[in-house]
Amino acid sequence: MNLFGINVNSLITPEVKFIVSKMRFVSSLGEDFPALVSFDQNQQVVRELIVVKKPILKGHQILPGYKHLVESREDGRLSSLADDKKVLMGIKARKSKFGITTSLVFIGLKGELDKVLLVHDVPVVASNRKELIEGVKEFMKELTGIEIEDVPCTIRGVKGEKIKVEKVDVDYATLLL
């Protein structure tokens, strides 16, 4: 599925109910970039795709403030990064009273920085770093079929997959910006 000329299959999971376009500040780059963010029915962020590279075609600019209602029974995996030559993967770990949880950060490179995919729906809770890395390895094998040795790592040859997504409605997203 394309929105604003960008493949957003990586944002799609069976839990996702809508995708919102907005601007997102990236602290490591010190700048706002257009982003597409997927939410579940409880308005919890599931995944984010931040587009760093400027579009070549004028009509493919992401317009912030739109909410696209979607339905799908499939997971898009890492399809949005299939056109990138190299993908770097890292984690963003957080400590809570239940243990250590994480989000996965995928950085797509086409010679230069192209896209950043943040996957927040990682079902891993660990008590230490070793357990966390093992959980991430298992999740990556399930999600993409790719076996990784350690985190951070480089992934080459991400496959693009077509998934069936029904676009139900487009509206202006006032509350989610």
N, C-alpha and C. Protein backbone atom coordinates (compact mmCIF):
# COMPACT_ATOMS: atom_id res chain seq x y z
N MET A 1 0.85 -1.18 0.00
CA MET A 1 0.00 0.00 0.00
C MET A 1 0.89 1.24 0.00
N ASN A 2 0.58 2.18 -0.83
CA ASN A 2 1.32 3.43 -0.89
C ASN A 2 0.48 4.59 -0.38
N LEU A 3 1.08 5.44 0.42
CA LEU A 3 0.49 6.70 0.83
C LEU A 3 1.49 7.79 0.49
N PHE A 4 1.05 8.82 -0.19
CA PHE A 4 1.92 9.92 -0.61
C PHE A 4 3.11 9.41 -1.44
N GLY A 5 2.92 8.31 -2.17
CA GLY A 5 3.97 7.75 -3.00
C GLY A 5 5.00 6.93 -2.25
N ILE A 6 4.73 6.61 -0.99
CA ILE A 6 5.68 5.87 -0.15
C ILE A 6 5.06 4.54 0.26
N ASN A 7 5.83 3.47 0.13
CA ASN A 7 5.38 2.15 0.55
C ASN A 7 5.26 2.14 2.08
N VAL A 8 4.05 1.90 2.59
CA VAL A 8 3.82 1.90 4.04
C VAL A 8 3.45 0.51 4.56
N ASN A 9 3.77 -0.53 3.81
CA ASN A 9 3.43 -1.89 4.24
C ASN A 9 4.03 -2.24 5.60
N SER A 10 5.18 -1.69 5.93
CA SER A 10 5.82 -1.99 7.22
C SER A 10 5.01 -1.48 8.40
N LEU A 11 4.14 -0.53 8.17
CA LEU A 11 3.31 0.01 9.25
C LEU A 11 2.08 -0.85 9.52
N ILE A 12 1.79 -1.76 8.62
CA ILE A 12 0.56 -2.55 8.68
C ILE A 12 0.76 -3.83 9.48
N THR A 13 -0.11 -4.04 10.46
CA THR A 13 -0.25 -5.31 11.17
C THR A 13 -1.75 -5.55 11.33
N PRO A 14 -2.17 -6.74 11.74
CA PRO A 14 -3.61 -6.95 11.95
C PRO A 14 -4.20 -6.03 13.04
N GLU A 15 -3.37 -5.55 13.97
CA GLU A 15 -3.85 -4.69 15.05
C GLU A 15 -4.05 -3.24 14.62
N VAL A 16 -3.42 -2.82 13.54
CA VAL A 16 -3.45 -1.42 13.12
C VAL A 16 -4.83 -1.05 12.60
N LYS A 17 -5.34 0.08 13.10
CA LYS A 17 -6.65 0.58 12.67
C LYS A 17 -6.54 1.84 11.82
N PHE A 18 -5.51 2.66 12.06
CA PHE A 18 -5.35 3.85 11.23
C PHE A 18 -3.90 4.30 11.19
N ILE A 19 -3.59 5.06 10.13
CA ILE A 19 -2.25 5.62 9.92
C ILE A 19 -2.40 7.13 9.83
N VAL A 20 -1.57 7.84 10.58
CA VAL A 20 -1.63 9.30 10.63
C VAL A 20 -0.34 9.87 10.05
N SER A 21 -0.47 10.91 9.23
CA SER A 21 0.71 11.61 8.72
C SER A 21 0.96 12.82 9.61
N LYS A 22 2.21 13.01 10.01
CA LYS A 22 2.57 14.11 10.89
C LYS A 22 4.05 14.44 10.75
N MET A 23 4.47 15.49 11.39
CA MET A 23 5.89 15.84 11.43
C MET A 23 6.46 15.27 12.73
N ARG A 24 7.67 14.75 12.67
CA ARG A 24 8.31 14.13 13.84
C ARG A 24 9.71 14.70 13.97
N PHE A 25 10.04 15.18 15.18
CA PHE A 25 11.37 15.72 15.44
C PHE A 25 12.33 14.57 15.71
N VAL A 26 13.43 14.53 14.98
CA VAL A 26 14.46 13.51 15.18
C VAL A 26 15.62 14.21 15.89
N SER A 27 15.80 13.88 17.17
CA SER A 27 16.77 14.60 18.00
C SER A 27 18.21 14.41 17.52
N SER A 28 18.55 13.24 17.01
CA SER A 28 19.92 13.01 16.56
C SER A 28 20.27 13.80 15.30
N LEU A 29 19.25 14.21 14.54
CA LEU A 29 19.49 15.01 13.34
C LEU A 29 19.12 16.48 13.55
N GLY A 30 18.42 16.77 14.66
CA GLY A 30 18.06 18.14 15.00
C GLY A 30 17.09 18.80 14.04
N GLU A 31 16.15 18.02 13.51
CA GLU A 31 15.25 18.56 12.50
C GLU A 31 13.92 17.80 12.51
N ASP A 32 12.86 18.47 12.04
CA ASP A 32 11.56 17.83 11.86
C ASP A 32 11.52 17.15 10.50
N PHE A 33 10.97 15.93 10.46
CA PHE A 33 10.81 15.20 9.22
C PHE A 33 9.39 14.67 9.13
N PRO A 34 8.87 14.50 7.90
CA PRO A 34 7.54 13.91 7.76
C PRO A 34 7.55 12.45 8.19
N ALA A 35 6.47 12.04 8.85
CA ALA A 35 6.38 10.67 9.34
C ALA A 35 4.97 10.13 9.14
N LEU A 36 4.89 8.82 8.99
CA LEU A 36 3.62 8.12 8.96
C LEU A 36 3.62 7.19 10.16
N VAL A 37 2.59 7.30 11.00
CA VAL A 37 2.53 6.58 12.26
C VAL A 37 1.28 5.73 12.28
N SER A 38 1.43 4.44 12.62
CA SER A 38 0.26 3.55 12.70
C SER A 38 -0.15 3.38 14.16
N PHE A 39 -1.47 3.35 14.37
CA PHE A 39 -2.06 3.24 15.70
C PHE A 39 -2.99 2.05 15.75
N ASP A 40 -3.16 1.48 16.96
CA ASP A 40 -4.16 0.43 17.14
C ASP A 40 -5.47 1.09 17.57
N GLN A 41 -6.47 0.28 17.92
CA GLN A 41 -7.78 0.83 18.27
C GLN A 41 -7.77 1.62 19.58
N ASN A 42 -6.77 1.41 20.44
CA ASN A 42 -6.65 2.16 21.70
C ASN A 42 -5.78 3.40 21.55
N GLN A 43 -5.46 3.77 20.33
CA GLN A 43 -4.62 4.91 19.99
C GLN A 43 -3.21 4.79 20.56
N GLN A 44 -2.71 3.56 20.64
CA GLN A 44 -1.32 3.29 21.01
C GLN A 44 -0.50 3.20 19.72
N VAL A 45 0.67 3.81 19.72
CA VAL A 45 1.54 3.77 18.54
C VAL A 45 2.07 2.35 18.35
N VAL A 46 1.90 1.82 17.15
CA VAL A 46 2.39 0.48 16.83
C VAL A 46 3.73 0.57 16.10
N ARG A 47 3.77 1.34 15.02
CA ARG A 47 5.00 1.51 14.23
C ARG A 47 5.05 2.92 13.64
N GLU A 48 6.27 3.38 13.35
CA GLU A 48 6.46 4.71 12.76
C GLU A 48 7.45 4.60 11.60
N LEU A 49 7.17 5.32 10.53
CA LEU A 49 8.07 5.41 9.39
C LEU A 49 8.40 6.88 9.17
N ILE A 50 9.65 7.24 9.43
CA ILE A 50 10.10 8.62 9.27
C ILE A 50 10.86 8.70 7.95
N VAL A 51 10.44 9.61 7.09
CA VAL A 51 11.04 9.75 5.76
C VAL A 51 12.00 10.94 5.80
N VAL A 52 13.29 10.65 5.73
CA VAL A 52 14.32 11.68 5.84
C VAL A 52 14.63 12.30 4.48
N LYS A 53 14.71 11.47 3.46
CA LYS A 53 15.09 11.95 2.12
C LYS A 53 13.92 12.69 1.47
N LYS A 54 14.22 13.80 0.86
CA LYS A 54 13.19 14.60 0.16
C LYS A 54 12.73 13.84 -1.08
N PRO A 55 11.42 13.88 -1.37
CA PRO A 55 10.92 13.17 -2.55
C PRO A 55 11.36 13.84 -3.85
N ILE A 56 11.55 13.03 -4.87
CA ILE A 56 11.95 13.54 -6.18
C ILE A 56 10.74 14.20 -6.86
N LEU A 57 9.60 13.53 -6.80
CA LEU A 57 8.38 14.05 -7.41
C LEU A 57 7.64 14.96 -6.44
N LYS A 58 7.17 16.08 -6.93
CA LYS A 58 6.53 17.07 -6.07
C LYS A 58 5.26 16.53 -5.41
N GLY A 59 4.50 15.71 -6.10
CA GLY A 59 3.25 15.18 -5.56
C GLY A 59 3.44 14.10 -4.50
N HIS A 60 4.67 13.68 -4.26
CA HIS A 60 4.92 12.62 -3.28
C HIS A 60 5.36 13.16 -1.93
N GLN A 61 5.03 14.42 -1.65
CA GLN A 61 5.36 15.01 -0.37
C GLN A 61 4.32 14.58 0.65
N ILE A 62 4.76 14.21 1.85
CA ILE A 62 3.83 13.81 2.90
C ILE A 62 3.18 15.06 3.47
N LEU A 63 1.85 15.09 3.44
CA LEU A 63 1.10 16.20 3.99
C LEU A 63 0.68 15.85 5.41
N PRO A 64 1.14 16.58 6.42
CA PRO A 64 0.79 16.24 7.80
C PRO A 64 -0.68 16.52 8.11
N GLY A 65 -1.23 15.69 9.00
CA GLY A 65 -2.57 15.92 9.50
C GLY A 65 -3.65 15.03 8.94
N TYR A 66 -3.31 14.02 8.17
CA TYR A 66 -4.33 13.13 7.61
C TYR A 66 -4.35 11.79 8.34
N LYS A 67 -5.56 11.29 8.51
CA LYS A 67 -5.78 10.00 9.20
C LYS A 67 -6.40 9.05 8.18
N HIS A 68 -5.72 7.94 7.91
CA HIS A 68 -6.18 6.94 6.95
C HIS A 68 -6.64 5.71 7.73
N LEU A 69 -7.93 5.41 7.70
CA LEU A 69 -8.44 4.21 8.35
C LEU A 69 -8.15 3.01 7.45
N VAL A 70 -7.54 1.97 8.02
CA VAL A 70 -7.15 0.80 7.23
C VAL A 70 -7.55 -0.49 7.95
N GLU A 71 -7.68 -1.55 7.17
CA GLU A 71 -7.95 -2.89 7.70
C GLU A 71 -7.07 -3.88 6.96
N SER A 72 -6.45 -4.79 7.71
CA SER A 72 -5.63 -5.83 7.10
C SER A 72 -5.53 -7.02 8.05
N ARG A 73 -5.32 -8.18 7.48
CA ARG A 73 -5.10 -9.38 8.28
C ARG A 73 -3.66 -9.86 8.17
N GLU A 74 -2.83 -9.07 7.51
CA GLU A 74 -1.44 -9.46 7.27
C GLU A 74 -0.48 -8.48 7.91
N ASP A 75 0.77 -8.91 8.03
CA ASP A 75 1.84 -8.07 8.57
C ASP A 75 2.78 -7.70 7.42
N GLY A 76 3.08 -6.42 7.28
CA GLY A 76 3.92 -5.95 6.19
C GLY A 76 5.41 -6.16 6.41
N ARG A 77 5.80 -6.60 7.59
CA ARG A 77 7.19 -6.85 7.94
C ARG A 77 8.07 -5.63 7.65
N LEU A 78 9.15 -5.79 6.91
CA LEU A 78 10.07 -4.69 6.63
C LEU A 78 9.96 -4.21 5.17
N SER A 79 8.81 -4.41 4.56
CA SER A 79 8.64 -4.12 3.13
C SER A 79 8.95 -2.68 2.74
N SER A 80 8.73 -1.74 3.62
CA SER A 80 8.99 -0.33 3.30
C SER A 80 10.47 -0.05 3.09
N LEU A 81 11.33 -0.93 3.58
CA LEU A 81 12.77 -0.75 3.46
C LEU A 81 13.37 -1.59 2.33
N ALA A 82 12.54 -2.23 1.52
CA ALA A 82 13.03 -3.14 0.47
C ALA A 82 13.83 -2.42 -0.60
N ASP A 83 13.55 -1.15 -0.85
CA ASP A 83 14.29 -0.43 -1.90
C ASP A 83 15.59 0.19 -1.39
N ASP A 84 15.90 0.04 -0.11
CA ASP A 84 17.15 0.55 0.45
C ASP A 84 18.27 -0.47 0.24
N LYS A 85 19.47 0.02 -0.03
CA LYS A 85 20.61 -0.87 -0.28
C LYS A 85 21.08 -1.57 0.98
N LYS A 86 21.04 -0.85 2.10
CA LYS A 86 21.50 -1.41 3.36
C LYS A 86 20.55 -0.97 4.47
N VAL A 87 20.28 -1.87 5.41
CA VAL A 87 19.42 -1.55 6.55
C VAL A 87 20.20 -1.84 7.83
N LEU A 88 20.31 -0.84 8.67
CA LEU A 88 20.95 -1.01 9.98
C LEU A 88 19.86 -1.23 11.02
N MET A 89 20.09 -2.16 11.93
CA MET A 89 19.11 -2.44 12.97
C MET A 89 19.71 -2.22 14.33
N GLY A 90 18.97 -1.56 15.19
CA GLY A 90 19.38 -1.35 16.57
C GLY A 90 18.16 -1.44 17.47
N ILE A 91 18.38 -1.27 18.76
CA ILE A 91 17.27 -1.32 19.70
C ILE A 91 17.24 -0.03 20.52
N LYS A 92 16.07 0.25 21.05
CA LYS A 92 15.91 1.35 21.99
C LYS A 92 15.25 0.73 23.22
N ALA A 93 16.07 0.38 24.20
CA ALA A 93 15.59 -0.33 25.38
C ALA A 93 15.07 0.65 26.43
N ARG A 94 14.05 0.19 27.17
CA ARG A 94 13.46 0.97 28.26
C ARG A 94 13.31 0.06 29.47
N LYS A 95 13.58 0.61 30.63
CA LYS A 95 13.44 -0.16 31.86
C LYS A 95 12.15 0.25 32.56
N SER A 96 11.37 -0.75 32.96
CA SER A 96 10.13 -0.50 33.70
C SER A 96 10.13 -1.40 34.93
N LYS A 97 9.07 -1.32 35.71
CA LYS A 97 9.01 -2.14 36.92
C LYS A 97 8.84 -3.63 36.60
N PHE A 98 8.42 -3.94 35.36
CA PHE A 98 8.24 -5.33 34.95
C PHE A 98 9.50 -5.94 34.34
N GLY A 99 10.44 -5.11 33.94
CA GLY A 99 11.67 -5.59 33.32
C GLY A 99 12.12 -4.64 32.22
N ILE A 100 12.91 -5.14 31.31
CA ILE A 100 13.43 -4.34 30.20
C ILE A 100 12.61 -4.67 28.95
N THR A 101 12.08 -3.63 28.32
CA THR A 101 11.37 -3.78 27.05
C THR A 101 12.14 -3.02 25.98
N THR A 102 11.74 -3.18 24.74
CA THR A 102 12.49 -2.53 23.67
C THR A 102 11.61 -2.18 22.48
N SER A 103 12.08 -1.26 21.71
CA SER A 103 11.58 -0.96 20.37
C SER A 103 12.73 -1.24 19.41
N LEU A 104 12.41 -1.64 18.21
CA LEU A 104 13.44 -1.86 17.20
C LEU A 104 13.54 -0.64 16.31
N VAL A 105 14.76 -0.27 15.96
CA VAL A 105 15.02 0.87 15.09
C VAL A 105 15.72 0.35 13.84
N PHE A 106 15.10 0.56 12.68
CA PHE A 106 15.68 0.16 11.40
C PHE A 106 15.99 1.43 10.62
N ILE A 107 17.23 1.57 10.18
CA ILE A 107 17.66 2.74 9.43
C ILE A 107 17.97 2.30 8.00
N GLY A 108 17.19 2.80 7.05
CA GLY A 108 17.37 2.46 5.65
C GLY A 108 18.31 3.43 4.97
N LEU A 109 19.31 2.89 4.27
CA LEU A 109 20.32 3.72 3.59
C LEU A 109 20.31 3.45 2.09
N LYS A 110 20.27 4.52 1.31
CA LYS A 110 20.46 4.47 -0.14
C LYS A 110 21.64 5.36 -0.45
N GLY A 111 22.80 4.97 -0.01
CA GLY A 111 23.97 5.83 -0.11
C GLY A 111 23.99 6.83 1.03
N GLU A 112 22.85 7.44 1.30
CA GLU A 112 22.70 8.35 2.43
C GLU A 112 21.42 7.94 3.17
N LEU A 113 21.16 8.57 4.29
CA LEU A 113 20.00 8.24 5.11
C LEU A 113 18.71 8.46 4.32
N ASP A 114 17.87 7.43 4.27
CA ASP A 114 16.63 7.48 3.49
C ASP A 114 15.40 7.46 4.39
N LYS A 115 15.26 6.40 5.20
CA LYS A 115 14.08 6.23 6.05
C LYS A 115 14.49 5.64 7.39
N VAL A 116 13.64 5.86 8.39
CA VAL A 116 13.81 5.26 9.70
C VAL A 116 12.49 4.60 10.06
N LEU A 117 12.53 3.30 10.38
CA LEU A 117 11.34 2.56 10.79
C LEU A 117 11.49 2.21 12.26
N LEU A 118 10.51 2.62 13.06
CA LEU A 118 10.49 2.29 14.49
C LEU A 118 9.38 1.28 14.73
N VAL A 119 9.74 0.12 15.27
CA VAL A 119 8.77 -0.94 15.55
C VAL A 119 8.59 -1.00 17.06
N HIS A 120 7.41 -0.57 17.53
CA HIS A 120 7.15 -0.52 18.97
C HIS A 120 6.47 -1.78 19.49
N ASP A 121 5.91 -2.60 18.61
CA ASP A 121 5.14 -3.77 19.04
C ASP A 121 6.02 -5.02 19.17
N VAL A 122 7.09 -4.90 19.93
CA VAL A 122 8.01 -6.02 20.15
C VAL A 122 7.62 -6.71 21.46
N PRO A 123 7.16 -7.96 21.40
CA PRO A 123 6.68 -8.65 22.61
C PRO A 123 7.81 -9.29 23.43
N VAL A 124 8.78 -8.48 23.82
CA VAL A 124 9.92 -9.00 24.57
C VAL A 124 10.02 -8.24 25.89
N VAL A 125 10.01 -8.98 26.99
CA VAL A 125 10.27 -8.42 28.32
C VAL A 125 11.37 -9.28 28.93
N ALA A 126 12.45 -8.64 29.35
CA ALA A 126 13.61 -9.38 29.85
C ALA A 126 14.09 -8.78 31.16
N SER A 127 14.93 -9.53 31.86
CA SER A 127 15.49 -9.03 33.11
C SER A 127 16.92 -8.53 32.95
N ASN A 128 17.57 -8.91 31.83
CA ASN A 128 18.92 -8.42 31.58
C ASN A 128 19.16 -8.31 30.07
N ARG A 129 20.33 -7.78 29.71
CA ARG A 129 20.64 -7.53 28.30
C ARG A 129 20.68 -8.82 27.48
N LYS A 130 21.26 -9.87 28.04
CA LYS A 130 21.38 -11.13 27.30
C LYS A 130 20.01 -11.69 26.92
N GLU A 131 19.07 -11.70 27.88
CA GLU A 131 17.71 -12.17 27.59
C GLU A 131 17.03 -11.28 26.55
N LEU A 132 17.27 -9.98 26.66
CA LEU A 132 16.67 -9.03 25.72
C LEU A 132 17.15 -9.30 24.30
N ILE A 133 18.45 -9.48 24.13
CA ILE A 133 19.01 -9.75 22.79
C ILE A 133 18.49 -11.07 22.24
N GLU A 134 18.39 -12.10 23.08
CA GLU A 134 17.84 -13.39 22.63
C GLU A 134 16.39 -13.25 22.20
N GLY A 135 15.61 -12.48 22.96
CA GLY A 135 14.21 -12.23 22.60
C GLY A 135 14.09 -11.48 21.28
N VAL A 136 14.96 -10.50 21.08
CA VAL A 136 14.97 -9.73 19.83
C VAL A 136 15.35 -10.63 18.66
N LYS A 137 16.32 -11.52 18.85
CA LYS A 137 16.72 -12.46 17.79
C LYS A 137 15.54 -13.35 17.37
N GLU A 138 14.80 -13.87 18.36
CA GLU A 138 13.63 -14.71 18.07
C GLU A 138 12.55 -13.92 17.35
N PHE A 139 12.31 -12.70 17.82
CA PHE A 139 11.29 -11.85 17.20
C PHE A 139 11.66 -11.54 15.75
N MET A 140 12.92 -11.24 15.49
CA MET A 140 13.37 -10.94 14.13
C MET A 140 13.21 -12.16 13.22
N LYS A 141 13.48 -13.34 13.75
CA LYS A 141 13.33 -14.55 12.95
C LYS A 141 11.85 -14.76 12.60
N GLU A 142 10.95 -14.49 13.56
CA GLU A 142 9.51 -14.60 13.32
C GLU A 142 9.03 -13.53 12.35
N LEU A 143 9.45 -12.29 12.59
CA LEU A 143 8.96 -11.15 11.82
C LEU A 143 9.43 -11.19 10.38
N THR A 144 10.71 -11.43 10.17
CA THR A 144 11.28 -11.31 8.83
C THR A 144 11.85 -12.60 8.27
N GLY A 145 12.07 -13.59 9.11
CA GLY A 145 12.73 -14.81 8.66
C GLY A 145 14.24 -14.65 8.57
N ILE A 146 14.75 -13.51 9.03
CA ILE A 146 16.19 -13.24 9.00
C ILE A 146 16.79 -13.56 10.36
N GLU A 147 17.87 -14.36 10.34
CA GLU A 147 18.57 -14.66 11.58
C GLU A 147 19.68 -13.63 11.77
N ILE A 148 19.71 -13.03 12.95
CA ILE A 148 20.75 -12.04 13.24
C ILE A 148 21.67 -12.60 14.31
N GLU A 149 22.92 -12.17 14.29
CA GLU A 149 23.92 -12.64 15.24
C GLU A 149 23.92 -11.83 16.53
N ASP A 150 23.87 -10.50 16.37
CA ASP A 150 23.94 -9.61 17.52
C ASP A 150 23.23 -8.32 17.18
N VAL A 151 23.06 -7.48 18.16
CA VAL A 151 22.44 -6.17 17.97
C VAL A 151 23.44 -5.14 18.42
N PRO A 152 23.73 -4.10 17.69
CA PRO A 152 23.23 -3.72 16.37
C PRO A 152 23.81 -4.58 15.26
N CYS A 153 23.15 -4.55 14.10
CA CYS A 153 23.61 -5.34 12.97
C CYS A 153 23.19 -4.69 11.65
N THR A 154 23.73 -5.22 10.57
CA THR A 154 23.39 -4.78 9.22
C THR A 154 22.59 -5.87 8.54
N ILE A 155 21.50 -5.48 7.90
CA ILE A 155 20.64 -6.42 7.18
C ILE A 155 20.67 -6.05 5.71
N ARG A 156 20.95 -7.03 4.87
CA ARG A 156 20.95 -6.79 3.42
C ARG A 156 19.88 -7.68 2.78
N GLY A 157 19.33 -7.21 1.71
CA GLY A 157 18.37 -8.03 0.97
C GLY A 157 17.02 -8.14 1.63
N VAL A 158 16.49 -7.04 2.13
CA VAL A 158 15.14 -7.04 2.70
C VAL A 158 14.16 -7.22 1.54
N LYS A 159 13.25 -8.16 1.69
CA LYS A 159 12.31 -8.46 0.62
C LYS A 159 11.04 -7.61 0.76
N GLY A 160 10.59 -7.12 -0.36
CA GLY A 160 9.32 -6.40 -0.40
C GLY A 160 8.19 -7.38 -0.60
N GLU A 161 7.14 -7.24 0.16
CA GLU A 161 6.00 -8.14 0.05
C GLU A 161 4.74 -7.32 -0.19
N LYS A 162 3.87 -7.84 -1.04
CA LYS A 162 2.58 -7.20 -1.23
C LYS A 162 1.61 -7.81 -0.23
N ILE A 163 0.87 -6.94 0.43
CA ILE A 163 -0.13 -7.41 1.37
C ILE A 163 -1.47 -6.79 1.00
N LYS A 164 -2.54 -7.43 1.41
CA LYS A 164 -3.87 -6.91 1.14
C LYS A 164 -4.27 -5.96 2.27
N VAL A 165 -4.51 -4.71 1.88
CA VAL A 165 -4.92 -3.69 2.83
C VAL A 165 -6.13 -2.99 2.25
N GLU A 166 -7.16 -2.83 3.07
CA GLU A 166 -8.34 -2.10 2.63
C GLU A 166 -8.31 -0.72 3.26
N LYS A 167 -8.30 0.29 2.41
CA LYS A 167 -8.32 1.68 2.88
C LYS A 167 -9.78 2.07 3.04
N VAL A 168 -10.22 2.24 4.29
CA VAL A 168 -11.63 2.45 4.59
C VAL A 168 -12.03 3.91 4.44
N ASP A 169 -11.22 4.83 4.97
CA ASP A 169 -11.61 6.23 5.00
C ASP A 169 -10.37 7.12 5.15
N VAL A 170 -10.49 8.36 4.73
CA VAL A 170 -9.46 9.37 4.94
C VAL A 170 -10.14 10.55 5.61
N ASP A 171 -9.52 11.05 6.67
CA ASP A 171 -10.11 12.14 7.43
C ASP A 171 -8.98 13.04 7.92
N TYR A 172 -9.34 14.19 8.47
CA TYR A 172 -8.33 15.06 9.06
C TYR A 172 -8.16 14.66 10.51
N ALA A 173 -6.94 14.42 10.96
CA ALA A 173 -6.65 13.92 12.30
C ALA A 173 -6.34 15.08 13.25
N THR A 174 -7.34 15.64 13.87
CA THR A 174 -7.12 16.80 14.74
C THR A 174 -6.58 16.41 16.11
N LEU A 175 -7.07 15.34 16.69
CA LEU A 175 -6.69 14.98 18.06
C LEU A 175 -5.35 14.27 18.17
N LEU A 176 -4.87 13.67 17.10
CA LEU A 176 -3.67 12.85 17.16
C LEU A 176 -2.40 13.59 16.79
N LEU A 177 -2.49 14.86 16.44
CA LEU A 177 -1.30 15.62 16.06
C LEU A 177 -0.72 16.20 17.29
